[in-house]
PDB file of all heavy atoms in Angstrom:
ATOM      1  N   ASP A   1       0.834  -1.228  -0.006  1.00  0.00           N
ATOM      2  CA  ASP A   1       0.031  -0.022   0.026  1.00  0.00           C
ATOM      3  C   ASP A   1       0.804   1.309  -0.029  1.00  0.00           C
ATOM      4  O   ASP A   1       0.481   2.332  -0.549  1.00  0.00           O
ATOM      5  CB  ASP A   1      -0.956   0.001   1.214  1.00  0.00           C
ATOM      6  CG  ASP A   1      -2.148  -0.896   0.976  1.00  0.00           C
ATOM      7  OD1 ASP A   1      -2.314  -1.427  -0.116  1.00  0.00           O
ATOM      8  OD2 ASP A   1      -2.966  -1.075   1.927  1.00  0.00           O
ATOM      9  N   HIS A   2       2.012   1.204   0.570  1.00  0.00           N
ATOM     10  CA  HIS A   2       2.971   2.333   0.515  1.00  0.00           C
ATOM     11  C   HIS A   2       3.318   2.680  -0.960  1.00  0.00           C
ATOM     12  O   HIS A   2       3.252   3.847  -1.353  1.00  0.00           O
ATOM     13  CB  HIS A   2       4.208   2.097   1.353  1.00  0.00           C
ATOM     14  CG  HIS A   2       5.397   2.875   0.795  1.00  0.00           C
ATOM     15  ND1 HIS A   2       6.404   2.316   0.045  1.00  0.00           N
ATOM     16  CD2 HIS A   2       5.730   4.203   0.907  1.00  0.00           C
ATOM     17  CE1 HIS A   2       7.239   3.220  -0.327  1.00  0.00           C
ATOM     18  NE2 HIS A   2       6.865   4.365   0.180  1.00  0.00           N
ATOM     19  N   PHE A   3       3.660   1.645  -1.688  1.00  0.00           N
ATOM     20  CA  PHE A   3       4.070   1.882  -3.044  1.00  0.00           C
ATOM     21  C   PHE A   3       2.906   2.340  -3.959  1.00  0.00           C
ATOM     22  O   PHE A   3       3.099   3.097  -4.825  1.00  0.00           O
ATOM     23  CB  PHE A   3       4.693   0.563  -3.611  1.00  0.00           C
ATOM     24  CG  PHE A   3       6.032   0.247  -2.997  1.00  0.00           C
ATOM     25  CD1 PHE A   3       6.133  -0.785  -2.019  1.00  0.00           C
ATOM     26  CD2 PHE A   3       7.216   0.964  -3.280  1.00  0.00           C
ATOM     27  CE1 PHE A   3       7.319  -1.084  -1.442  1.00  0.00           C
ATOM     28  CE2 PHE A   3       8.359   0.634  -2.681  1.00  0.00           C
ATOM     29  CZ  PHE A   3       8.461  -0.382  -1.732  1.00  0.00           C
ATOM     30  N   LYS A   4       1.712   1.847  -3.630  1.00  0.00           N
ATOM     31  CA  LYS A   4       0.532   2.337  -4.350  1.00  0.00           C
ATOM     32  C   LYS A   4       0.335   3.821  -4.100  1.00  0.00           C
ATOM     33  O   LYS A   4       0.078   4.592  -5.106  1.00  0.00           O
ATOM     34  CB  LYS A   4      -0.671   1.547  -3.958  1.00  0.00           C
ATOM     35  CG  LYS A   4      -0.763   0.133  -4.383  1.00  0.00           C
ATOM     36  CD  LYS A   4      -1.999  -0.609  -3.872  1.00  0.00           C
ATOM     37  CE  LYS A   4      -1.948  -2.067  -4.218  1.00  0.00           C
ATOM     38  NZ  LYS A   4      -3.170  -2.799  -3.607  1.00  0.00           N
ATOM     39  N   LEU A   5       0.445   4.270  -2.841  1.00  0.00           N
ATOM     40  CA  LEU A   5       0.255   5.675  -2.571  1.00  0.00           C
ATOM     41  C   LEU A   5       1.387   6.502  -3.122  1.00  0.00           C
ATOM     42  O   LEU A   5       1.195   7.624  -3.655  1.00  0.00           O
ATOM     43  CB  LEU A   5       0.156   5.863  -1.068  1.00  0.00           C
ATOM     44  CG  LEU A   5       0.026   7.346  -0.602  1.00  0.00           C
ATOM     45  CD1 LEU A   5      -1.222   7.955  -1.242  1.00  0.00           C
ATOM     46  CD2 LEU A   5      -0.079   7.413   0.947  1.00  0.00           C
ATOM     47  N   LEU A   6       2.646   5.987  -3.092  1.00  0.00           N
ATOM     48  CA  LEU A   6       3.777   6.621  -3.691  1.00  0.00           C
ATOM     49  C   LEU A   6       3.558   6.912  -5.157  1.00  0.00           C
ATOM     50  O   LEU A   6       3.839   8.025  -5.719  1.00  0.00           O
ATOM     51  CB  LEU A   6       5.064   5.901  -3.444  1.00  0.00           C
ATOM     52  CG  LEU A   6       6.356   6.497  -3.987  1.00  0.00           C
ATOM     53  CD1 LEU A   6       6.625   7.877  -3.290  1.00  0.00           C
ATOM     54  CD2 LEU A   6       7.550   5.583  -3.813  1.00  0.00           C
ATOM     55  N   GLU A   7       3.014   5.920  -5.824  1.00  0.00           N
ATOM     56  CA  GLU A   7       2.721   6.050  -7.269  1.00  0.00           C
ATOM     57  C   GLU A   7       1.662   7.182  -7.528  1.00  0.00           C
ATOM     58  O   GLU A   7       1.869   7.982  -8.390  1.00  0.00           O
ATOM     59  CB  GLU A   7       2.228   4.708  -7.823  1.00  0.00           C
ATOM     60  CG  GLU A   7       1.818   4.729  -9.270  1.00  0.00           C
ATOM     61  CD  GLU A   7       3.032   4.724 -10.246  1.00  0.00           C
ATOM     62  OE1 GLU A   7       4.067   4.223  -9.816  1.00  0.00           O
ATOM     63  OE2 GLU A   7       2.920   5.212 -11.356  1.00  0.00           O
ATOM     64  N   LYS A   8       0.653   7.166  -6.655  1.00  0.00           N
ATOM     65  CA  LYS A   8      -0.427   8.176  -6.832  1.00  0.00           C
ATOM     66  C   LYS A   8       0.177   9.609  -6.561  1.00  0.00           C
ATOM     67  O   LYS A   8      -0.134  10.516  -7.307  1.00  0.00           O
ATOM     68  CB  LYS A   8      -1.526   7.883  -5.812  1.00  0.00           C
ATOM     69  CG  LYS A   8      -2.762   8.799  -5.934  1.00  0.00           C
ATOM     70  CD  LYS A   8      -3.677   8.554  -4.830  1.00  0.00           C
ATOM     71  CE  LYS A   8      -4.284   7.137  -4.799  1.00  0.00           C
ATOM     72  NZ  LYS A   8      -5.270   6.913  -3.724  1.00  0.00           N
ATOM     73  N   LEU A   9       0.963   9.700  -5.490  1.00  0.00           N
ATOM     74  CA  LEU A   9       1.495  11.032  -5.170  1.00  0.00           C
ATOM     75  C   LEU A   9       2.505  11.504  -6.294  1.00  0.00           C
ATOM     76  O   LEU A   9       2.478  12.690  -6.566  1.00  0.00           O
ATOM     77  CB  LEU A   9       2.285  10.956  -3.847  1.00  0.00           C
ATOM     78  CG  LEU A   9       1.432  10.637  -2.606  1.00  0.00           C
ATOM     79  CD1 LEU A   9       2.317  10.435  -1.390  1.00  0.00           C
ATOM     80  CD2 LEU A   9       0.444  11.811  -2.294  1.00  0.00           C
ATOM     81  N   SER A  10       3.267  10.604  -6.834  1.00  0.00           N
ATOM     82  CA  SER A  10       4.304  11.014  -7.756  1.00  0.00           C
ATOM     83  C   SER A  10       3.625  11.458  -9.132  1.00  0.00           C
ATOM     84  O   SER A  10       4.346  12.158  -9.916  1.00  0.00           O
ATOM     85  CB  SER A  10       5.209   9.848  -8.079  1.00  0.00           C
ATOM     86  OG  SER A  10       4.565   8.783  -8.768  1.00  0.00           O
ATOM     87  N   GLU A  11       2.349  11.201  -9.333  1.00  0.00           N
ATOM     88  CA  GLU A  11       1.696  11.621 -10.495  1.00  0.00           C
ATOM     89  C   GLU A  11       0.875  12.867 -10.349  1.00  0.00           C
ATOM     90  O   GLU A  11       0.256  13.421 -11.238  1.00  0.00           O
ATOM     91  CB  GLU A  11       0.784  10.487 -11.008  1.00  0.00           C
ATOM     92  CG  GLU A  11       1.545   9.237 -11.485  1.00  0.00           C
ATOM     93  CD  GLU A  11       0.675   8.084 -11.885  1.00  0.00           C
ATOM     94  OE1 GLU A  11      -0.542   8.246 -11.610  1.00  0.00           O
ATOM     95  OE2 GLU A  11       1.118   7.109 -12.382  1.00  0.00           O
ATOM     96  N   GLN A  12       0.833  13.435  -9.046  1.00  0.00           N
ATOM     97  CA  GLN A  12       0.086  14.624  -8.736  1.00  0.00           C
ATOM     98  C   GLN A  12       0.788  15.872  -9.259  1.00  0.00           C
ATOM     99  O   GLN A  12       2.048  15.947  -9.299  1.00  0.00           O
ATOM    100  CB  GLN A  12      -0.187  14.783  -7.239  1.00  0.00           C
ATOM    101  CG  GLN A  12      -1.155  13.850  -6.691  1.00  0.00           C
ATOM    102  CD  GLN A  12      -1.734  14.334  -5.325  1.00  0.00           C
ATOM    103  OE1 GLN A  12      -2.827  13.975  -4.957  1.00  0.00           O
ATOM    104  NE2 GLN A  12      -0.959  15.143  -4.664  1.00  0.00           N
ATOM    105  N   ASN A  13       0.031  16.912  -9.594  1.00  0.00           N
ATOM    106  CA  ASN A  13       0.600  18.149 -10.021  1.00  0.00           C
ATOM    107  C   ASN A  13       1.317  18.849  -8.899  1.00  0.00           C
ATOM    108  O   ASN A  13       2.266  19.625  -9.134  1.00  0.00           O
ATOM    109  CB  ASN A  13      -0.485  19.145 -10.485  1.00  0.00           C
ATOM    110  CG  ASN A  13      -1.140  18.657 -11.789  1.00  0.00           C
ATOM    111  OD1 ASN A  13      -0.516  17.921 -12.603  1.00  0.00           O
ATOM    112  ND2 ASN A  13      -2.415  18.990 -11.962  1.00  0.00           N
ATOM    113  N   THR A  14       1.018  18.501  -7.623  1.00  0.00           N
ATOM    114  CA  THR A  14       1.674  19.150  -6.500  1.00  0.00           C
ATOM    115  C   THR A  14       2.870  18.358  -6.009  1.00  0.00           C
ATOM    116  O   THR A  14       3.430  18.743  -4.919  1.00  0.00           O
ATOM    117  CB  THR A  14       0.641  19.268  -5.313  1.00  0.00           C
ATOM    118  OG1 THR A  14       0.147  17.980  -5.029  1.00  0.00           O
ATOM    119  CG2 THR A  14      -0.481  20.154  -5.684  1.00  0.00           C
ATOM    120  N   VAL A  15       3.349  17.343  -6.728  1.00  0.00           N
ATOM    121  CA  VAL A  15       4.399  16.548  -6.209  1.00  0.00           C
ATOM    122  C   VAL A  15       5.673  17.329  -5.918  1.00  0.00           C
ATOM    123  O   VAL A  15       6.412  17.029  -4.952  1.00  0.00           O
ATOM    124  CB  VAL A  15       4.743  15.363  -7.230  1.00  0.00           C
ATOM    125  CG1 VAL A  15       5.210  15.913  -8.585  1.00  0.00           C
ATOM    126  CG2 VAL A  15       5.733  14.396  -6.654  1.00  0.00           C
ATOM    127  N   GLY A  16       5.936  18.344  -6.702  1.00  0.00           N
ATOM    128  CA  GLY A  16       7.134  19.219  -6.551  1.00  0.00           C
ATOM    129  C   GLY A  16       7.123  20.040  -5.306  1.00  0.00           C
ATOM    130  O   GLY A  16       8.129  20.648  -4.933  1.00  0.00           O
ATOM    131  N   ASP A  17       5.937  20.102  -4.619  1.00  0.00           N
ATOM    132  CA  ASP A  17       5.823  20.905  -3.394  1.00  0.00           C
ATOM    133  C   ASP A  17       5.771  20.008  -2.176  1.00  0.00           C
ATOM    134  O   ASP A  17       5.538  20.510  -1.047  1.00  0.00           O
ATOM    135  CB  ASP A  17       4.610  21.832  -3.472  1.00  0.00           C
ATOM    136  CG  ASP A  17       4.699  22.810  -4.607  1.00  0.00           C
ATOM    137  OD1 ASP A  17       5.750  23.321  -4.793  1.00  0.00           O
ATOM    138  OD2 ASP A  17       3.667  23.065  -5.243  1.00  0.00           O
ATOM    139  N   MET A  18       5.843  18.734  -2.344  1.00  0.00           N
ATOM    140  CA  MET A  18       5.566  17.797  -1.201  1.00  0.00           C
ATOM    141  C   MET A  18       6.852  17.214  -0.658  1.00  0.00           C
ATOM    142  O   MET A  18       7.812  16.889  -1.360  1.00  0.00           O
ATOM    143  CB  MET A  18       4.642  16.695  -1.672  1.00  0.00           C
ATOM    144  CG  MET A  18       4.165  15.728  -0.602  1.00  0.00           C
ATOM    145  SD  MET A  18       2.954  14.535  -1.150  1.00  0.00           S
ATOM    146  CE  MET A  18       1.547  15.649  -1.406  1.00  0.00           C
ATOM    147  N   TYR A  19       6.841  17.060   0.682  1.00  0.00           N
ATOM    148  CA  TYR A  19       8.023  16.397   1.390  1.00  0.00           C
ATOM    149  C   TYR A  19       7.504  14.990   1.828  1.00  0.00           C
ATOM    150  O   TYR A  19       6.359  14.794   2.215  1.00  0.00           O
ATOM    151  CB  TYR A  19       8.281  17.184   2.717  1.00  0.00           C
ATOM    152  CG  TYR A  19       8.848  18.555   2.446  1.00  0.00           C
ATOM    153  CD1 TYR A  19       8.091  19.646   2.085  1.00  0.00           C
ATOM    154  CD2 TYR A  19      10.226  18.837   2.669  1.00  0.00           C
ATOM    155  CE1 TYR A  19       8.544  20.904   1.904  1.00  0.00           C
ATOM    156  CE2 TYR A  19      10.764  20.075   2.472  1.00  0.00           C
ATOM    157  CZ  TYR A  19       9.903  21.148   2.110  1.00  0.00           C
ATOM    158  OH  TYR A  19      10.423  22.419   1.909  1.00  0.00           O
ATOM    159  N   LEU A  20       8.396  14.031   1.834  1.00  0.00           N
ATOM    160  CA  LEU A  20       8.145  12.722   2.359  1.00  0.00           C
ATOM    161  C   LEU A  20       9.208  12.429   3.444  1.00  0.00           C
ATOM    162  O   LEU A  20      10.343  12.833   3.326  1.00  0.00           O
ATOM    163  CB  LEU A  20       8.205  11.662   1.276  1.00  0.00           C
ATOM    164  CG  LEU A  20       7.192  11.769   0.097  1.00  0.00           C
ATOM    165  CD1 LEU A  20       7.387  10.552  -0.791  1.00  0.00           C
ATOM    166  CD2 LEU A  20       5.785  11.794   0.672  1.00  0.00           C
ATOM    167  N   ASN A  21       8.768  11.677   4.471  1.00  0.00           N
ATOM    168  CA  ASN A  21       9.698  11.279   5.522  1.00  0.00           C
ATOM    169  C   ASN A  21       9.480   9.759   5.744  1.00  0.00           C
ATOM    170  O   ASN A  21       8.346   9.303   5.742  1.00  0.00           O
ATOM    171  CB  ASN A  21       9.391  12.060   6.773  1.00  0.00           C
ATOM    172  CG  ASN A  21      10.261  11.592   7.991  1.00  0.00           C
ATOM    173  OD1 ASN A  21      10.068  10.509   8.489  1.00  0.00           O
ATOM    174  ND2 ASN A  21      11.114  12.474   8.396  1.00  0.00           N
ATOM    175  N   TYR A  22      10.533   9.059   5.920  1.00  0.00           N
ATOM    176  CA  TYR A  22      10.481   7.593   6.083  1.00  0.00           C
ATOM    177  C   TYR A  22      11.211   7.158   7.392  1.00  0.00           C
ATOM    178  O   TYR A  22      12.301   7.671   7.666  1.00  0.00           O
ATOM    179  CB  TYR A  22      11.134   6.786   4.969  1.00  0.00           C
ATOM    180  CG  TYR A  22      10.334   6.788   3.650  1.00  0.00           C
ATOM    181  CD1 TYR A  22      10.371   7.906   2.818  1.00  0.00           C
ATOM    182  CD2 TYR A  22       9.535   5.741   3.333  1.00  0.00           C
ATOM    183  CE1 TYR A  22       9.634   7.871   1.629  1.00  0.00           C
ATOM    184  CE2 TYR A  22       8.804   5.695   2.135  1.00  0.00           C
ATOM    185  CZ  TYR A  22       8.857   6.777   1.286  1.00  0.00           C
ATOM    186  OH  TYR A  22       8.137   6.768   0.149  1.00  0.00           O
ATOM    187  N   SER A  23      10.584   6.301   8.117  1.00  0.00           N
ATOM    188  CA  SER A  23      11.243   5.583   9.190  1.00  0.00           C
ATOM    189  C   SER A  23      11.496   4.157   8.673  1.00  0.00           C
ATOM    190  O   SER A  23      10.554   3.437   8.334  1.00  0.00           O
ATOM    191  CB  SER A  23      10.424   5.517  10.455  1.00  0.00           C
ATOM    192  OG  SER A  23      10.383   6.761  11.066  1.00  0.00           O
ATOM    193  N   THR A  24      12.742   3.752   8.550  1.00  0.00           N
ATOM    194  CA  THR A  24      13.058   2.494   7.970  1.00  0.00           C
ATOM    195  C   THR A  24      14.073   1.714   8.774  1.00  0.00           C
ATOM    196  O   THR A  24      14.910   2.304   9.471  1.00  0.00           O
ATOM    197  CB  THR A  24      13.543   2.655   6.507  1.00  0.00           C
ATOM    198  OG1 THR A  24      13.758   1.395   5.935  1.00  0.00           O
ATOM    199  CG2 THR A  24      14.819   3.459   6.425  1.00  0.00           C
ATOM    200  N   ASN A  25      13.964   0.369   8.802  1.00  0.00           N
ATOM    201  CA  ASN A  25      14.733  -0.485   9.710  1.00  0.00           C
ATOM    202  C   ASN A  25      16.122  -0.936   9.184  1.00  0.00           C
ATOM    203  O   ASN A  25      16.761  -1.786   9.790  1.00  0.00           O
ATOM    204  CB  ASN A  25      13.917  -1.609  10.250  1.00  0.00           C
ATOM    205  CG  ASN A  25      13.537  -2.632   9.104  1.00  0.00           C
ATOM    206  OD1 ASN A  25      14.189  -2.645   8.023  1.00  0.00           O
ATOM    207  ND2 ASN A  25      12.559  -3.435   9.307  1.00  0.00           N
ATOM    208  N   LEU A  26      16.537  -0.427   8.042  1.00  0.00           N
ATOM    209  CA  LEU A  26      17.834  -0.705   7.484  1.00  0.00           C
ATOM    210  C   LEU A  26      18.046  -2.202   7.097  1.00  0.00           C
ATOM    211  O   LEU A  26      19.151  -2.676   7.122  1.00  0.00           O
ATOM    212  CB  LEU A  26      18.940  -0.273   8.404  1.00  0.00           C
ATOM    213  CG  LEU A  26      18.929   1.242   8.634  1.00  0.00           C
ATOM    214  CD1 LEU A  26      19.939   1.555   9.790  1.00  0.00           C
ATOM    215  CD2 LEU A  26      19.363   1.970   7.369  1.00  0.00           C
ATOM    216  N   THR A  27      16.961  -2.830   6.655  1.00  0.00           N
ATOM    217  CA  THR A  27      17.087  -4.160   6.117  1.00  0.00           C
ATOM    218  C   THR A  27      16.804  -4.200   4.583  1.00  0.00           C
ATOM    219  O   THR A  27      17.065  -5.201   3.950  1.00  0.00           O
ATOM    220  CB  THR A  27      16.096  -5.157   6.760  1.00  0.00           C
ATOM    221  OG1 THR A  27      14.729  -4.697   6.573  1.00  0.00           O
ATOM    222  CG2 THR A  27      16.312  -5.207   8.277  1.00  0.00           C
ATOM    223  N   ILE A  28      16.244  -3.078   4.053  1.00  0.00           N
ATOM    224  CA  ILE A  28      15.903  -3.016   2.667  1.00  0.00           C
ATOM    225  C   ILE A  28      16.582  -1.895   2.003  1.00  0.00           C
ATOM    226  O   ILE A  28      16.476  -0.724   2.346  1.00  0.00           O
ATOM    227  CB  ILE A  28      14.338  -2.770   2.535  1.00  0.00           C
ATOM    228  CG1 ILE A  28      13.553  -3.839   3.359  1.00  0.00           C
ATOM    229  CG2 ILE A  28      13.949  -2.811   1.055  1.00  0.00           C
ATOM    230  CD1 ILE A  28      13.714  -5.212   2.813  1.00  0.00           C
ATOM    231  N   ALA A  29      17.387  -2.192   0.958  1.00  0.00           N
ATOM    232  CA  ALA A  29      18.006  -1.149   0.141  1.00  0.00           C
ATOM    233  C   ALA A  29      17.021  -0.768  -0.950  1.00  0.00           C
ATOM    234  O   ALA A  29      16.486  -1.591  -1.645  1.00  0.00           O
ATOM    235  CB  ALA A  29      19.266  -1.675  -0.480  1.00  0.00           C
ATOM    236  N   PRO A  30      16.665   0.521  -1.048  1.00  0.00           N
ATOM    237  CA  PRO A  30      15.642   0.975  -2.061  1.00  0.00           C
ATOM    238  C   PRO A  30      16.042   0.594  -3.462  1.00  0.00           C
ATOM    239  O   PRO A  30      17.241   0.624  -3.860  1.00  0.00           O
ATOM    240  CB  PRO A  30      15.657   2.490  -1.865  1.00  0.00           C
ATOM    241  CG  PRO A  30      16.250   2.707  -0.520  1.00  0.00           C
ATOM    242  CD  PRO A  30      17.265   1.668  -0.290  1.00  0.00           C
ATOM    243  N   LYS A  31      14.981   0.215  -4.212  1.00  0.00           N
ATOM    244  CA  LYS A  31      15.220  -0.089  -5.655  1.00  0.00           C
ATOM    245  C   LYS A  31      15.292   1.195  -6.462  1.00  0.00           C
ATOM    246  O   LYS A  31      14.756   2.213  -6.073  1.00  0.00           O
ATOM    247  CB  LYS A  31      14.060  -0.976  -6.136  1.00  0.00           C
ATOM    248  CG  LYS A  31      14.032  -2.345  -5.469  1.00  0.00           C
ATOM    249  CD  LYS A  31      12.899  -3.243  -5.988  1.00  0.00           C
ATOM    250  CE  LYS A  31      12.817  -4.584  -5.354  1.00  0.00           C
ATOM    251  NZ  LYS A  31      11.712  -5.392  -5.771  1.00  0.00           N
ATOM    252  N   GLN A  32      15.925   1.103  -7.644  1.00  0.00           N
ATOM    253  CA  GLN A  32      16.094   2.295  -8.454  1.00  0.00           C
ATOM    254  C   GLN A  32      14.763   2.898  -8.898  1.00  0.00           C
ATOM    255  O   GLN A  32      14.639   4.145  -8.970  1.00  0.00           O
ATOM    256  CB  GLN A  32      16.933   1.992  -9.706  1.00  0.00           C
ATOM    257  CG  GLN A  32      17.397   3.184 -10.435  1.00  0.00           C
ATOM    258  CD  GLN A  32      18.268   4.132  -9.589  1.00  0.00           C
ATOM    259  OE1 GLN A  32      19.175   3.700  -8.855  1.00  0.00           O
ATOM    260  NE2 GLN A  32      17.970   5.434  -9.674  1.00  0.00           N
ATOM    261  N   ASP A  33      13.748   2.081  -9.170  1.00  0.00           N
ATOM    262  CA  ASP A  33      12.486   2.592  -9.531  1.00  0.00           C
ATOM    263  C   ASP A  33      11.861   3.458  -8.449  1.00  0.00           C
ATOM    264  O   ASP A  33      11.256   4.525  -8.780  1.00  0.00           O
ATOM    265  CB  ASP A  33      11.449   1.452  -9.875  1.00  0.00           C
ATOM    266  CG  ASP A  33      10.114   1.937 -10.256  1.00  0.00           C
ATOM    267  OD1 ASP A  33       9.991   2.612 -11.292  1.00  0.00           O
ATOM    268  OD2 ASP A  33       9.123   1.588  -9.545  1.00  0.00           O
ATOM    269  N   THR A  34      12.022   3.057  -7.213  1.00  0.00           N
ATOM    270  CA  THR A  34      11.535   3.852  -6.093  1.00  0.00           C
ATOM    271  C   THR A  34      12.342   5.195  -5.936  1.00  0.00           C
ATOM    272  O   THR A  34      11.746   6.230  -5.741  1.00  0.00           O
ATOM    273  CB  THR A  34      11.608   3.045  -4.742  1.00  0.00           C
ATOM    274  OG1 THR A  34      10.866   1.876  -4.901  1.00  0.00           O
ATOM    275  CG2 THR A  34      11.097   3.919  -3.616  1.00  0.00           C
ATOM    276  N   ILE A  35      13.637   5.063  -6.100  1.00  0.00           N
ATOM    277  CA  ILE A  35      14.487   6.293  -6.038  1.00  0.00           C
ATOM    278  C   ILE A  35      14.053   7.295  -7.121  1.00  0.00           C
ATOM    279  O   ILE A  35      13.974   8.494  -6.909  1.00  0.00           O
ATOM    280  CB  ILE A  35      15.966   5.877  -6.207  1.00  0.00           C
ATOM    281  CG1 ILE A  35      16.406   5.079  -4.962  1.00  0.00           C
ATOM    282  CG2 ILE A  35      16.830   7.127  -6.371  1.00  0.00           C
ATOM    283  CD1 ILE A  35      17.815   4.514  -5.082  1.00  0.00           C
ATOM    284  N   ASN A  36      13.790   6.748  -8.323  1.00  0.00           N
ATOM    285  CA  ASN A  36      13.360   7.657  -9.405  1.00  0.00           C
ATOM    286  C   ASN A  36      12.070   8.407  -9.052  1.00  0.00           C
ATOM    287  O   ASN A  36      11.892   9.590  -9.431  1.00  0.00           O
ATOM    288  CB  ASN A  36      13.180   6.905 -10.700  1.00  0.00           C
ATOM    289  CG  ASN A  36      14.500   6.357 -11.203  1.00  0.00           C
ATOM    290  OD1 ASN A  36      15.565   6.909 -10.928  1.00  0.00           O
ATOM    291  ND2 ASN A  36      14.485   5.353 -12.057  1.00  0.00           N
TER     292      ASN A  36
END
């Protein structure tokens, strides 16, 4: 569900004005698609 919302947010006109914050447990290295 996180990735579904991230996809929705990344397609919004306001994406360039939005901040995201993550708490992560350091077991998962982000994939390039997510970084993009």
